[in-house]
Amino acid sequence: EITEELIARILQEIPQGIDLYLSLDSNGEDDWLEVISNGNWITLGYSSNHDGNYYSYNAAFADTEDLSPLESGGQSSIKKCFALQDMIIGQKAVNYFIYTGKLYPGIDWAKQV
């Protein structure tokens, strides 16, 4: 169960660095959001068996293969085009997901094909 206190703690930790999964499914197997931040960069990855996979999208790096300093699972490097440098907007997106279970409309999302 996610309490108001836990939500506040999660949101406060994002600018310091955090690596977690938030799931709408009690088993954690569907409809989850991966949140990875190192304090300078944040990436959000949404996975759903019904809607597919989406990633936060940074158009400023659309034409490059450059990698951010973030890694998913400690192994897979995250491209800069899927990472944001605005911690406040990242916090808003995480908060929005926690309360609605939906992707935050205030950022761009890329759908995995």
C-alpha atoms as a PDB file:
ATOM      1  CA  GLU A   1       0.000   0.000   0.000  1.00  0.00           C
ATOM      2  CA  ILE A   2       1.244   3.450  -0.862  1.00  0.00           C
ATOM      3  CA  THR A   3       0.567   5.952   1.931  1.00  0.00           C
ATOM      4  CA  GLU A   4       0.731   9.735   1.684  1.00  0.00           C
ATOM      5  CA  GLU A   5       3.929   9.606   3.764  1.00  0.00           C
ATOM      6  CA  LEU A   6       5.528   7.114   1.379  1.00  0.00           C
ATOM      7  CA  ILE A   7       4.504   9.185  -1.650  1.00  0.00           C
ATOM      8  CA  ALA A   8       6.081  12.286  -0.107  1.00  0.00           C
ATOM      9  CA  ARG A   9       9.280  10.352   0.627  1.00  0.00           C
ATOM     10  CA  ILE A  10       9.479   8.967  -2.926  1.00  0.00           C
ATOM     11  CA  LEU A  11       8.982  12.420  -4.433  1.00  0.00           C
ATOM     12  CA  GLN A  12      11.622  13.919  -2.113  1.00  0.00           C
ATOM     13  CA  GLU A  13      14.161  11.243  -3.068  1.00  0.00           C
ATOM     14  CA  ILE A  14      13.860  11.753  -6.835  1.00  0.00           C
ATOM     15  CA  PRO A  15      16.211  14.792  -6.921  1.00  0.00           C
ATOM     16  CA  GLN A  16      18.748  12.906  -4.769  1.00  0.00           C
ATOM     17  CA  GLY A  17      18.652   9.732  -6.837  1.00  0.00           C
ATOM     18  CA  ILE A  18      16.215   6.829  -6.804  1.00  0.00           C
ATOM     19  CA  ASP A  19      15.675   3.514  -8.576  1.00  0.00           C
ATOM     20  CA  LEU A  20      12.258   1.926  -8.079  1.00  0.00           C
ATOM     21  CA  TYR A  21       9.213   0.352  -9.648  1.00  0.00           C
ATOM     22  CA  LEU A  22       5.684   1.554  -8.960  1.00  0.00           C
ATOM     23  CA  SER A  23       2.984  -0.966  -9.810  1.00  0.00           C
ATOM     24  CA  LEU A  24      -0.779  -0.704 -10.075  1.00  0.00           C
ATOM     25  CA  ASP A  25      -0.977  -4.485  -9.900  1.00  0.00           C
ATOM     26  CA  SER A  26      -0.679  -5.960  -6.410  1.00  0.00           C
ATOM     27  CA  ASN A  27       1.600  -8.672  -7.825  1.00  0.00           C
ATOM     28  CA  GLY A  28       3.793  -6.098  -9.587  1.00  0.00           C
ATOM     29  CA  GLU A  29       3.479  -7.927 -12.890  1.00  0.00           C
ATOM     30  CA  ASP A  30       1.529  -5.429 -14.988  1.00  0.00           C
ATOM     31  CA  ASP A  31       1.041  -1.691 -15.317  1.00  0.00           C
ATOM     32  CA  TRP A  32       4.243  -0.533 -13.645  1.00  0.00           C
ATOM     33  CA  LEU A  33       6.427   2.524 -13.899  1.00  0.00           C
ATOM     34  CA  GLU A  34      10.192   2.254 -13.556  1.00  0.00           C
ATOM     35  CA  VAL A  35      11.733   5.419 -12.093  1.00  0.00           C
ATOM     36  CA  ILE A  36      15.500   5.930 -12.277  1.00  0.00           C
ATOM     37  CA  SER A  37      17.173   9.164 -11.216  1.00  0.00           C
ATOM     38  CA  ASN A  38      20.700  10.171 -10.291  1.00  0.00           C
ATOM     39  CA  GLY A  39      19.824  13.729  -9.272  1.00  0.00           C
ATOM     40  CA  ASN A  40      20.708  15.219 -12.670  1.00  0.00           C
ATOM     41  CA  TRP A  41      18.851  12.882 -15.010  1.00  0.00           C
ATOM     42  CA  ILE A  42      15.573  10.972 -14.672  1.00  0.00           C
ATOM     43  CA  THR A  43      14.071   8.306 -16.898  1.00  0.00           C
ATOM     44  CA  LEU A  44      10.585   6.851 -16.691  1.00  0.00           C
ATOM     45  CA  GLY A  45       9.581   3.576 -18.280  1.00  0.00           C
ATOM     46  CA  TYR A  46       5.976   2.369 -18.306  1.00  0.00           C
ATOM     47  CA  SER A  47       5.073  -1.235 -19.054  1.00  0.00           C
ATOM     48  CA  SER A  48       1.600  -2.674 -19.533  1.00  0.00           C
ATOM     49  CA  ASN A  49       0.453  -5.957 -21.028  1.00  0.00           C
ATOM     50  CA  HIS A  50      -2.531  -4.039 -22.413  1.00  0.00           C
ATOM     51  CA  ASP A  51      -1.031  -0.739 -23.586  1.00  0.00           C
ATOM     52  CA  GLY A  52       2.570  -1.668 -24.416  1.00  0.00           C
ATOM     53  CA  ASN A  53       5.756   0.045 -23.263  1.00  0.00           C
ATOM     54  CA  TYR A  54       6.393   3.780 -23.124  1.00  0.00           C
ATOM     55  CA  TYR A  55       9.455   5.798 -22.163  1.00  0.00           C
ATOM     56  CA  SER A  56       9.914   9.424 -21.186  1.00  0.00           C
ATOM     57  CA  TYR A  57      11.113  11.242 -24.305  1.00  0.00           C
ATOM     58  CA  ASN A  58      13.564  14.108 -24.623  1.00  0.00           C
ATOM     59  CA  ALA A  59      13.334  15.624 -28.128  1.00  0.00           C
ATOM     60  CA  ALA A  60      16.512  17.656 -27.531  1.00  0.00           C
ATOM     61  CA  PHE A  61      18.460  14.415 -27.986  1.00  0.00           C
ATOM     62  CA  ALA A  62      16.311  12.866 -30.732  1.00  0.00           C
ATOM     63  CA  ASP A  63      19.094  12.892 -33.317  1.00  0.00           C
ATOM     64  CA  THR A  64      21.804  11.323 -31.192  1.00  0.00           C
ATOM     65  CA  GLU A  65      22.679   7.907 -29.861  1.00  0.00           C
ATOM     66  CA  ASP A  66      24.408   9.459 -26.826  1.00  0.00           C
ATOM     67  CA  LEU A  67      23.858   7.664 -23.550  1.00  0.00           C
ATOM     68  CA  SER A  68      22.765   9.230 -20.291  1.00  0.00           C
ATOM     69  CA  PRO A  69      24.561   8.232 -17.076  1.00  0.00           C
ATOM     70  CA  LEU A  70      21.480   6.193 -16.078  1.00  0.00           C
ATOM     71  CA  GLU A  71      21.218   2.417 -16.248  1.00  0.00           C
ATOM     72  CA  SER A  72      18.141   0.218 -16.026  1.00  0.00           C
ATOM     73  CA  GLY A  73      18.702  -2.731 -13.751  1.00  0.00           C
ATOM     74  CA  GLY A  74      22.287  -1.602 -13.266  1.00  0.00           C
ATOM     75  CA  GLN A  75      23.119  -2.894 -16.752  1.00  0.00           C
ATOM     76  CA  SER A  76      21.211  -1.394 -19.669  1.00  0.00           C
ATOM     77  CA  SER A  77      22.345   2.129 -20.502  1.00  0.00           C
ATOM     78  CA  ILE A  78      19.575   4.645 -21.140  1.00  0.00           C
ATOM     79  CA  LYS A  79      19.819   6.856 -24.220  1.00  0.00           C
ATOM     80  CA  LYS A  80      19.609  10.582 -23.570  1.00  0.00           C
ATOM     81  CA  CYS A  81      16.508  10.773 -25.758  1.00  0.00           C
ATOM     82  CA  PHE A  82      14.707   8.723 -23.076  1.00  0.00           C
ATOM     83  CA  ALA A  83      16.004  10.714 -20.100  1.00  0.00           C
ATOM     84  CA  LEU A  84      14.995  14.122 -18.789  1.00  0.00           C
ATOM     85  CA  GLN A  85      17.065  16.703 -16.933  1.00  0.00           C
ATOM     86  CA  ASP A  86      14.123  18.381 -15.210  1.00  0.00           C
ATOM     87  CA  MET A  87      13.636  16.779 -11.802  1.00  0.00           C
ATOM     88  CA  ILE A  88      10.519  18.838 -11.060  1.00  0.00           C
ATOM     89  CA  ILE A  89       8.702  17.574 -14.146  1.00  0.00           C
ATOM     90  CA  GLY A  90       9.902  14.063 -13.257  1.00  0.00           C
ATOM     91  CA  GLN A  91       8.384  14.404  -9.795  1.00  0.00           C
ATOM     92  CA  LYS A  92       5.120  15.607 -11.326  1.00  0.00           C
ATOM     93  CA  ALA A  93       5.042  12.632 -13.698  1.00  0.00           C
ATOM     94  CA  VAL A  94       5.638  10.148 -10.873  1.00  0.00           C
ATOM     95  CA  ASN A  95       3.039  11.816  -8.667  1.00  0.00           C
ATOM     96  CA  TYR A  96       0.517  11.790 -11.525  1.00  0.00           C
ATOM     97  CA  PHE A  97       1.107   8.081 -12.140  1.00  0.00           C
ATOM     98  CA  ILE A  98       0.704   7.241  -8.451  1.00  0.00           C
ATOM     99  CA  TYR A  99      -2.685   8.978  -8.279  1.00  0.00           C
ATOM    100  CA  THR A 100      -4.094   8.184 -11.720  1.00  0.00           C
ATOM    101  CA  GLY A 101      -2.225   5.159 -13.057  1.00  0.00           C
ATOM    102  CA  LYS A 102      -1.745   7.095 -16.288  1.00  0.00           C
ATOM    103  CA  LEU A 103       1.161   8.686 -18.118  1.00  0.00           C
ATOM    104  CA  TYR A 104       1.699  12.343 -17.260  1.00  0.00           C
ATOM    105  CA  PRO A 105       0.509  14.512 -20.175  1.00  0.00           C
ATOM    106  CA  GLY A 106       3.058  17.239 -19.316  1.00  0.00           C
ATOM    107  CA  ILE A 107       5.962  15.331 -20.912  1.00  0.00           C
ATOM    108  CA  ASP A 108       6.490  13.547 -24.194  1.00  0.00           C
ATOM    109  CA  TRP A 109       6.385   9.748 -24.283  1.00  0.00           C
ATOM    110  CA  ALA A 110       7.871   7.369 -26.853  1.00  0.00           C
ATOM    111  CA  LYS A 111       6.076   4.085 -27.493  1.00  0.00           C
ATOM    112  CA  GLN A 112       8.232   1.027 -27.993  1.00  0.00           C
ATOM    113  CA  VAL A 113       7.516  -0.572 -31.337  1.00  0.00           C
END
